[in-house]
N, C-alpha and C. Protein backbone atom coordinates (compact mmCIF):
# COMPACT_ATOMS: atom_id res chain seq x y z
N MET A 1 -3.03 -40.86 -16.76
CA MET A 1 -1.13 -40.40 -17.54
C MET A 1 -1.65 -39.98 -18.97
N ARG A 2 -1.54 -39.01 -19.10
CA ARG A 2 -1.50 -38.55 -20.68
C ARG A 2 -0.66 -38.85 -21.52
N GLY A 3 -0.75 -39.53 -22.22
CA GLY A 3 0.94 -39.75 -23.58
C GLY A 3 0.84 -38.78 -24.95
N ARG A 4 1.68 -39.20 -25.46
CA ARG A 4 1.95 -37.51 -26.63
C ARG A 4 1.21 -37.42 -27.16
N GLY A 5 0.64 -38.76 -27.58
CA GLY A 5 -0.55 -38.13 -28.73
C GLY A 5 -1.79 -37.97 -28.35
N ASP A 6 -1.71 -37.37 -26.88
CA ASP A 6 -3.51 -36.69 -25.83
C ASP A 6 -3.80 -35.44 -27.15
N PRO A 7 -5.40 -35.95 -27.89
CA PRO A 7 -5.38 -34.17 -28.52
C PRO A 7 -5.18 -32.94 -27.61
N ARG A 8 -5.48 -32.97 -26.48
CA ARG A 8 -5.79 -32.58 -25.40
C ARG A 8 -5.06 -31.15 -24.73
N ALA A 9 -3.69 -31.73 -24.57
CA ALA A 9 -2.06 -31.35 -24.80
C ALA A 9 -1.88 -31.04 -25.82
N ALA A 10 -2.07 -31.49 -26.77
CA ALA A 10 -1.32 -30.87 -28.07
C ALA A 10 -2.16 -29.28 -28.30
N LEU A 11 -3.65 -29.51 -27.79
CA LEU A 11 -4.23 -28.19 -28.17
C LEU A 11 -3.71 -27.35 -27.23
N THR A 12 -3.56 -27.55 -25.75
CA THR A 12 -3.33 -26.84 -24.53
C THR A 12 -1.85 -25.83 -25.38
N ALA A 13 -1.55 -27.09 -25.89
CA ALA A 13 0.14 -26.31 -26.67
C ALA A 13 0.56 -25.17 -27.30
N LEU A 14 -0.25 -25.64 -28.34
CA LEU A 14 -1.02 -24.61 -29.15
C LEU A 14 -1.16 -23.53 -28.64
N ALA A 15 -2.85 -23.33 -27.89
CA ALA A 15 -3.22 -22.34 -27.56
C ALA A 15 -2.00 -21.39 -26.55
N LEU A 16 -1.54 -22.24 -26.19
CA LEU A 16 -0.33 -21.21 -25.37
C LEU A 16 0.75 -20.36 -26.05
N GLY A 17 1.05 -21.34 -27.10
CA GLY A 17 1.72 -20.88 -27.91
C GLY A 17 1.35 -19.46 -28.93
N LEU A 18 0.08 -19.26 -29.20
CA LEU A 18 -0.44 -18.38 -29.84
C LEU A 18 -0.50 -17.33 -29.05
N LEU A 19 -0.76 -17.21 -27.57
CA LEU A 19 -0.71 -16.08 -26.62
C LEU A 19 0.34 -15.99 -26.81
N VAL A 20 1.47 -16.83 -26.11
CA VAL A 20 2.79 -16.19 -26.57
C VAL A 20 3.45 -15.25 -27.73
N THR A 21 3.27 -16.15 -28.49
CA THR A 21 3.90 -15.51 -29.63
C THR A 21 3.11 -14.44 -30.21
N THR A 22 1.56 -13.96 -30.22
CA THR A 22 0.71 -13.16 -30.52
C THR A 22 0.99 -11.92 -29.75
N GLY A 23 1.37 -11.85 -28.26
CA GLY A 23 1.63 -10.64 -27.61
C GLY A 23 0.04 -10.76 -26.74
N ALA A 24 -0.94 -11.59 -26.65
CA ALA A 24 -1.92 -11.74 -25.89
C ALA A 24 -1.56 -11.78 -24.17
N VAL A 25 -0.46 -12.26 -24.36
CA VAL A 25 -0.09 -12.20 -22.29
C VAL A 25 1.04 -11.56 -22.64
N ALA A 26 1.21 -10.55 -21.55
CA ALA A 26 2.03 -9.93 -21.16
C ALA A 26 2.73 -10.00 -19.50
N ALA A 27 3.93 -10.07 -19.33
CA ALA A 27 4.20 -9.38 -17.70
C ALA A 27 4.97 -8.23 -17.70
N ALA A 28 4.28 -7.23 -16.94
CA ALA A 28 4.25 -6.15 -16.80
C ALA A 28 5.15 -5.82 -15.35
N PRO A 29 5.79 -5.37 -15.01
CA PRO A 29 5.91 -4.78 -13.73
C PRO A 29 5.23 -3.63 -12.94
N VAL A 30 4.92 -3.48 -11.98
CA VAL A 30 3.70 -2.80 -11.32
C VAL A 30 3.81 -2.42 -9.58
N SER A 31 4.03 -1.38 -9.48
CA SER A 31 3.86 -0.82 -7.71
C SER A 31 3.24 -1.72 -7.09
N VAL A 32 3.36 -2.13 -6.16
CA VAL A 32 3.11 -2.63 -4.82
C VAL A 32 3.06 -2.07 -3.85
N ILE A 33 2.30 -1.58 -2.92
CA ILE A 33 2.80 -1.41 -1.37
C ILE A 33 2.20 -2.87 -1.03
N ARG A 34 3.42 -3.32 0.07
CA ARG A 34 3.53 -4.19 0.86
C ARG A 34 3.79 -4.09 2.40
N ALA A 35 2.51 -4.73 3.13
CA ALA A 35 2.81 -5.15 4.23
C ALA A 35 2.71 -6.25 5.08
N THR A 36 3.90 -6.41 5.69
CA THR A 36 4.46 -7.81 6.00
C THR A 36 5.14 -7.33 7.47
N ASP A 37 4.98 -8.96 7.89
CA ASP A 37 5.70 -8.65 9.51
C ASP A 37 6.32 -10.05 9.51
N GLY A 38 6.70 -10.41 8.54
CA GLY A 38 7.84 -11.84 7.89
C GLY A 38 7.16 -12.75 7.53
N ALA A 39 5.90 -13.12 7.86
CA ALA A 39 5.35 -14.55 8.04
C ALA A 39 4.05 -14.59 6.76
N ARG A 40 3.27 -13.69 7.48
CA ARG A 40 1.96 -12.65 6.59
C ARG A 40 2.33 -11.36 5.85
N GLU A 41 1.17 -11.42 4.87
CA GLU A 41 1.70 -9.75 3.53
C GLU A 41 -0.07 -9.27 3.49
N CYS A 42 -0.15 -8.12 3.13
CA CYS A 42 -1.34 -7.55 2.76
C CYS A 42 -0.77 -7.00 1.22
N ALA A 43 -0.88 -6.88 -0.05
CA ALA A 43 -0.23 -6.59 -0.94
C ALA A 43 -1.41 -5.89 -1.40
N ALA A 44 -1.16 -4.61 -2.45
CA ALA A 44 -2.07 -3.91 -3.32
C ALA A 44 -1.31 -3.14 -4.34
N ALA A 45 -1.83 -3.07 -5.71
CA ALA A 45 -1.32 -2.50 -6.93
C ALA A 45 -1.78 -1.50 -6.35
N LEU A 46 -0.49 -0.25 -6.72
CA LEU A 46 -0.30 1.05 -6.94
C LEU A 46 -0.41 1.35 -8.21
N GLY A 47 -1.86 2.39 -8.90
CA GLY A 47 -1.40 3.11 -10.16
C GLY A 47 0.03 4.36 -9.28
N ASP A 48 0.69 4.54 -11.03
CA ASP A 48 1.76 6.04 -10.57
C ASP A 48 0.82 7.07 -10.11
N GLY A 49 1.91 6.97 -9.37
CA GLY A 49 1.48 8.48 -9.05
C GLY A 49 0.26 8.40 -7.38
N ALA A 50 -0.24 7.62 -7.35
CA ALA A 50 -1.84 6.90 -6.76
C ALA A 50 -1.50 7.25 -5.24
N MET A 51 -2.04 8.00 -4.62
CA MET A 51 -2.15 8.30 -3.57
C MET A 51 -2.67 6.75 -2.39
N PHE A 52 -2.35 6.97 -1.06
CA PHE A 52 -3.03 5.66 -0.21
C PHE A 52 -2.30 6.39 0.92
N HIS A 53 -3.54 5.84 2.52
CA HIS A 53 -3.52 6.49 3.51
C HIS A 53 -2.93 5.73 4.74
N TYR A 54 -2.26 5.60 5.88
CA TYR A 54 -2.08 5.16 6.73
C TYR A 54 -2.89 6.09 7.52
N ARG A 55 -4.03 5.28 8.28
CA ARG A 55 -5.04 5.78 9.20
C ARG A 55 -5.00 5.06 10.93
N TYR A 56 -4.95 5.64 11.82
CA TYR A 56 -5.09 5.60 12.88
C TYR A 56 -5.68 6.03 13.74
N ILE A 57 -5.72 5.35 15.36
CA ILE A 57 -6.28 6.49 16.43
C ILE A 57 -4.62 7.25 16.80
N GLN A 58 -4.35 8.27 17.29
CA GLN A 58 -3.31 8.41 18.16
C GLN A 58 -3.14 8.26 19.54
N SER A 59 -1.97 7.55 20.14
CA SER A 59 -2.11 7.27 21.29
C SER A 59 -2.52 8.56 22.28
N MET A 60 -1.86 9.41 22.26
CA MET A 60 -1.96 10.38 23.21
C MET A 60 -2.96 11.32 23.78
N TYR A 61 -3.96 11.47 22.64
CA TYR A 61 -4.81 12.28 22.07
C TYR A 61 -6.37 11.31 21.98
N GLU A 62 -6.37 10.02 21.33
CA GLU A 62 -7.03 9.81 21.16
C GLU A 62 -8.25 9.68 20.02
N LYS A 63 -7.38 10.78 19.12
CA LYS A 63 -8.41 11.41 17.96
C LYS A 63 -8.20 10.46 16.69
N PRO A 64 -8.67 10.15 15.70
CA PRO A 64 -7.86 9.70 14.42
C PRO A 64 -7.16 10.39 13.78
N VAL A 65 -5.67 9.98 13.03
CA VAL A 65 -5.25 10.82 12.44
C VAL A 65 -5.42 9.93 10.97
N VAL A 66 -4.79 10.69 9.61
CA VAL A 66 -4.79 10.08 8.47
C VAL A 66 -3.30 10.48 8.12
N GLU A 67 -2.51 9.91 7.59
CA GLU A 67 -1.45 9.89 6.61
C GLU A 67 -1.71 9.92 5.24
N ASP A 68 -1.43 10.86 4.48
CA ASP A 68 -1.39 10.59 2.86
C ASP A 68 -0.09 10.33 2.31
N LEU A 69 0.15 9.26 1.88
CA LEU A 69 1.28 9.18 1.06
C LEU A 69 1.08 8.80 0.00
N VAL A 70 2.51 8.73 -0.53
CA VAL A 70 2.64 8.33 -2.14
C VAL A 70 3.50 7.38 -2.49
N ALA A 71 4.04 5.95 -3.16
CA ALA A 71 4.98 5.55 -3.55
C ALA A 71 5.48 7.09 -4.56
N ARG A 72 7.52 6.73 -4.31
CA ARG A 72 7.84 7.64 -5.11
C ARG A 72 9.46 6.42 -5.15
N GLY A 73 9.04 6.11 -6.75
CA GLY A 73 9.88 4.80 -6.95
C GLY A 73 10.11 3.67 -5.82
N ARG A 74 10.84 3.45 -5.18
CA ARG A 74 10.86 2.73 -4.02
C ARG A 74 10.88 3.05 -3.02
N ASP A 75 10.73 4.40 -2.96
CA ASP A 75 10.30 4.97 -0.85
C ASP A 75 8.82 5.21 -1.14
N ILE A 76 8.76 5.38 0.41
CA ILE A 76 7.30 6.35 0.59
C ILE A 76 7.29 7.55 1.05
N ALA A 77 6.89 8.36 0.60
CA ALA A 77 6.90 9.75 0.52
C ALA A 77 5.06 10.23 1.53
N VAL A 78 5.59 11.33 2.52
CA VAL A 78 4.80 11.84 3.17
C VAL A 78 4.00 12.44 2.61
N LEU A 79 2.76 12.80 2.16
CA LEU A 79 2.65 14.40 1.66
C LEU A 79 1.97 15.69 2.82
N ARG A 80 0.99 14.69 3.45
CA ARG A 80 0.49 15.68 4.75
C ARG A 80 -0.11 14.75 5.82
N ILE A 81 -0.31 15.26 6.62
CA ILE A 81 -1.54 14.46 7.59
C ILE A 81 -2.39 15.78 8.37
N HIS A 82 -3.60 14.97 8.73
CA HIS A 82 -4.65 15.72 9.21
C HIS A 82 -5.75 14.68 10.31
N SER A 83 -6.18 15.49 10.74
CA SER A 83 -6.75 15.23 12.12
C SER A 83 -7.15 16.05 12.72
N THR A 84 -8.84 15.87 13.53
CA THR A 84 -9.56 16.81 14.11
C THR A 84 -8.76 17.28 15.19
N GLU A 85 -7.70 16.57 15.79
CA GLU A 85 -7.18 17.15 16.48
C GLU A 85 -5.86 18.20 16.11
N LEU A 86 -6.11 19.26 16.71
CA LEU A 86 -4.48 20.02 16.33
C LEU A 86 -3.37 19.22 17.06
N ARG A 87 -3.52 18.91 18.28
CA ARG A 87 -2.50 18.81 18.74
C ARG A 87 -1.94 17.39 18.33
N ALA A 88 -2.83 16.34 17.86
CA ALA A 88 -2.21 15.75 17.25
C ALA A 88 -1.55 16.11 15.65
N VAL A 89 -1.58 17.03 15.18
CA VAL A 89 -1.21 17.18 14.17
C VAL A 89 0.28 17.95 14.26
N GLU A 90 0.02 19.05 15.34
CA GLU A 90 1.47 19.69 16.16
C GLU A 90 2.41 18.12 16.69
N TYR A 91 1.70 17.23 17.04
CA TYR A 91 2.81 16.61 17.53
C TYR A 91 4.10 16.13 16.70
N TYR A 92 3.98 16.36 15.29
CA TYR A 92 4.66 16.06 14.51
C TYR A 92 6.24 16.87 14.41
N ARG A 93 5.75 18.07 14.41
CA ARG A 93 6.72 19.20 15.39
C ARG A 93 7.42 19.77 13.31
N TRP A 94 6.69 19.89 12.73
CA TRP A 94 7.09 20.01 10.95
C TRP A 94 6.85 22.07 10.92
N ASP A 95 8.13 22.35 10.36
CA ASP A 95 8.06 23.51 10.08
C ASP A 95 7.03 24.09 8.85
N THR A 96 6.42 23.67 8.69
CA THR A 96 4.97 23.62 7.65
C THR A 96 4.28 24.49 8.13
N PRO A 97 2.90 25.32 7.89
CA PRO A 97 1.83 25.79 8.73
C PRO A 97 1.41 24.82 8.37
N ILE A 98 -0.22 24.76 9.57
CA ILE A 98 -1.08 24.41 10.00
C ILE A 98 -2.44 24.94 9.34
N ARG A 99 -2.88 24.47 8.94
CA ARG A 99 -4.43 25.34 8.41
C ARG A 99 -5.81 24.41 8.41
N LYS A 100 -6.63 25.21 8.88
CA LYS A 100 -7.67 24.29 9.12
C LYS A 100 -8.89 24.04 7.83
N GLU A 101 -9.23 23.11 7.68
CA GLU A 101 -10.15 22.97 6.40
C GLU A 101 -11.54 22.02 7.06
N GLY A 102 -12.41 23.10 7.47
CA GLY A 102 -13.87 22.76 8.16
C GLY A 102 -13.52 22.62 9.45
N ASP A 103 -13.35 21.14 9.84
CA ASP A 103 -13.46 20.51 11.33
C ASP A 103 -12.06 19.86 11.30
N THR A 104 -11.13 19.52 10.31
CA THR A 104 -9.77 19.35 10.25
C THR A 104 -9.12 20.16 10.43
N PHE A 105 -7.67 19.61 10.84
CA PHE A 105 -6.44 20.28 10.47
C PHE A 105 -5.44 19.81 9.50
N VAL A 106 -4.89 20.59 8.78
CA VAL A 106 -4.17 20.07 7.71
C VAL A 106 -2.54 20.57 8.03
N GLU A 107 -1.47 19.51 7.79
CA GLU A 107 -0.51 19.99 7.66
C GLU A 107 0.35 18.98 6.42
N GLU A 108 0.58 20.23 5.92
CA GLU A 108 1.67 19.53 4.39
C GLU A 108 3.19 19.01 5.31
N SER A 109 3.27 18.22 4.61
CA SER A 109 4.74 17.35 5.12
C SER A 109 6.00 18.24 4.23
N PRO A 110 7.09 18.36 5.39
CA PRO A 110 8.64 19.45 4.69
C PRO A 110 9.24 18.44 3.60
N GLY A 111 8.74 17.43 3.02
CA GLY A 111 9.52 16.61 2.09
C GLY A 111 9.91 15.33 2.50
N TYR A 112 9.07 14.75 3.48
CA TYR A 112 9.99 13.74 4.17
C TYR A 112 9.67 11.93 3.51
N ALA A 113 10.44 11.20 3.12
CA ALA A 113 10.58 9.87 2.34
C ALA A 113 11.21 9.20 3.16
N THR A 114 10.76 7.80 2.91
CA THR A 114 11.51 6.88 3.76
C THR A 114 11.62 5.49 2.51
N PRO A 115 12.35 4.74 2.31
CA PRO A 115 11.98 3.45 1.96
C PRO A 115 11.10 2.09 2.76
N ARG A 116 10.70 2.59 3.79
CA ARG A 116 10.19 1.54 4.37
C ARG A 116 9.30 1.88 5.93
N LEU A 117 8.03 1.59 5.92
CA LEU A 117 7.84 2.48 7.37
C LEU A 117 7.42 1.20 8.60
N ALA A 118 7.88 1.58 9.42
CA ALA A 118 7.96 0.42 10.57
C ALA A 118 6.41 0.81 11.82
N ILE A 119 6.00 -0.49 11.75
CA ILE A 119 4.26 0.15 12.69
C ILE A 119 4.40 -1.00 13.78
N ARG A 120 4.13 -0.97 14.98
CA ARG A 120 4.33 -1.53 16.32
C ARG A 120 2.42 -1.28 15.48
N VAL A 121 1.51 -2.48 15.70
CA VAL A 121 0.04 -2.83 15.37
C VAL A 121 -0.09 -2.89 17.36
N SER A 122 -1.21 -2.19 17.79
CA SER A 122 -1.25 -2.35 18.95
C SER A 122 -2.89 -2.16 18.96
N PRO A 123 -3.92 -2.79 19.45
CA PRO A 123 -5.27 -3.20 19.34
C PRO A 123 -6.20 -1.96 19.16
N PRO A 124 -5.58 -1.03 20.63
CA PRO A 124 -6.67 0.46 20.25
C PRO A 124 -6.85 0.89 19.61
N TYR A 125 -6.16 0.99 18.26
CA TYR A 125 -5.06 2.02 17.42
C TYR A 125 -5.82 2.44 16.24
N ALA A 126 -6.82 0.89 15.90
CA ALA A 126 -7.57 0.75 14.75
C ALA A 126 -6.49 1.58 13.47
N GLN A 127 -5.55 0.31 13.61
CA GLN A 127 -4.62 1.00 12.23
C GLN A 127 -4.92 0.47 11.27
N ARG A 128 -4.92 1.23 9.88
CA ARG A 128 -5.08 0.52 8.70
C ARG A 128 -4.53 1.21 7.56
N ILE A 129 -3.86 0.70 6.56
CA ILE A 129 -3.42 1.49 5.04
C ILE A 129 -4.53 0.89 4.11
N ASP A 130 -4.69 1.99 3.35
CA ASP A 130 -5.77 1.70 2.48
C ASP A 130 -5.64 2.94 0.99
N GLY A 131 -5.95 2.48 -0.11
CA GLY A 131 -6.01 3.45 -1.32
C GLY A 131 -7.47 3.13 -1.78
N ASP A 132 -7.49 3.57 -3.34
CA ASP A 132 -8.52 3.84 -3.91
C ASP A 132 -9.19 1.92 -4.34
N GLY A 133 -9.79 1.48 -3.71
CA GLY A 133 -10.34 0.33 -4.14
C GLY A 133 -9.79 -0.98 -3.24
N TRP A 134 -9.07 -0.28 -2.13
CA TRP A 134 -8.31 -1.47 -1.49
C TRP A 134 -8.21 -0.94 0.22
N SER A 135 -7.97 -1.89 0.97
CA SER A 135 -7.56 -1.87 2.18
C SER A 135 -6.88 -2.67 2.70
N CYS A 136 -6.22 -2.68 4.37
CA CYS A 136 -5.42 -3.62 4.68
C CYS A 136 -5.78 -3.17 5.95
N ASP A 137 -6.45 -3.77 7.05
CA ASP A 137 -6.66 -3.57 8.24
C ASP A 137 -5.59 -4.28 9.40
N LEU A 138 -4.67 -3.65 9.85
CA LEU A 138 -3.18 -4.16 10.16
C LEU A 138 -3.69 -4.84 11.52
N GLN A 139 -4.38 -4.66 12.41
CA GLN A 139 -5.02 -4.99 13.24
C GLN A 139 -5.73 -6.37 13.37
N ALA A 140 -6.41 -6.85 12.23
CA ALA A 140 -7.10 -7.89 12.22
C ALA A 140 -6.06 -9.06 11.79
N LEU A 141 -4.83 -8.67 10.36
CA LEU A 141 -3.81 -9.30 9.79
C LEU A 141 -2.92 -9.45 10.67
N PHE A 142 -2.26 -8.61 11.51
CA PHE A 142 -0.98 -8.50 12.19
C PHE A 142 -1.12 -7.93 13.79
N PRO A 143 -2.03 -8.72 14.82
CA PRO A 143 -2.17 -7.86 16.16
C PRO A 143 -0.81 -8.30 16.59
N GLY A 144 -0.33 -7.12 17.36
CA GLY A 144 0.55 -7.25 18.22
C GLY A 144 1.25 -7.49 17.32
N GLU A 145 2.07 -7.36 16.41
CA GLU A 145 3.40 -7.55 15.39
C GLU A 145 3.78 -6.38 15.16
N LEU A 146 4.99 -6.24 14.83
CA LEU A 146 5.72 -5.22 14.42
C LEU A 146 5.47 -5.18 12.79
N VAL A 147 5.26 -4.68 11.92
CA VAL A 147 4.67 -4.73 10.62
C VAL A 147 6.04 -3.80 9.75
N THR A 148 6.17 -4.24 8.65
CA THR A 148 7.15 -3.00 7.48
C THR A 148 5.92 -2.76 6.22
N VAL A 149 6.00 -1.59 5.91
CA VAL A 149 5.30 -1.70 5.17
C VAL A 149 6.22 -0.39 3.73
N SER A 150 6.55 -1.20 2.61
CA SER A 150 7.44 -1.02 1.91
C SER A 150 7.11 -0.77 0.27
N VAL A 151 7.20 -0.61 -0.58
CA VAL A 151 7.39 -0.21 -1.99
C VAL A 151 7.69 -1.44 -3.05
N GLU A 152 6.80 -2.44 -3.62
CA GLU A 152 7.86 -3.54 -4.46
C GLU A 152 7.42 -2.97 -5.84
N ARG A 153 8.27 -3.61 -6.48
CA ARG A 153 8.34 -3.63 -8.07
C ARG A 153 7.42 -5.04 -8.74
N ARG A 154 6.63 -5.73 -8.95
CA ARG A 154 5.97 -7.04 -8.66
C ARG A 154 5.63 -6.91 -10.50
N ALA A 155 5.80 -8.28 -11.26
CA ALA A 155 5.32 -8.66 -12.25
C ALA A 155 3.91 -9.36 -12.35
N VAL A 156 3.70 -8.18 -12.98
CA VAL A 156 1.61 -9.06 -12.97
C VAL A 156 1.60 -9.57 -14.57
N VAL A 157 1.10 -10.77 -14.79
CA VAL A 157 0.74 -11.42 -15.86
C VAL A 157 -0.81 -11.00 -15.85
N THR A 158 -0.69 -9.94 -17.42
CA THR A 158 -2.14 -9.96 -17.82
C THR A 158 -2.40 -10.25 -19.16
N LEU A 159 -3.68 -10.31 -19.97
CA LEU A 159 -4.36 -10.80 -20.87
C LEU A 159 -4.55 -9.64 -21.74
N ARG A 160 -4.30 -9.21 -22.71
CA ARG A 160 -4.00 -8.27 -23.91
C ARG A 160 -5.64 -8.79 -24.45
């Protein structure tokens, strides 16, 4: 047990005081994308306007689909979808035109946004959310679970 005269405790307190008073430590809120089943979570920081993706195998046509998403405040906005399978894109029944880019069909969202995505994780569909420098394999973390994906603001402590 350390007493009041412990020089290490005094030095630690002095260093902490200097960091706080000089502004070398700051708590800044950042946007975080969070997937959770209520017991576990996968979370990643999102830069302002940073795009992220929901990737999966479409169940009816068994082809990969990518939804391009972005955080807008606390909402998740769907920007567009793409797939090599035209019918997987048509399945959304949006009124926007579908275009072909190489081997991929792309459709822009008509402006859909939601505060959360509810995803039933099913083994054969290789579901994941990912972004620049991070990835969350939903099947590995939440097999067979109902997952809620949402945007939060969290304080992150940084050293300056």
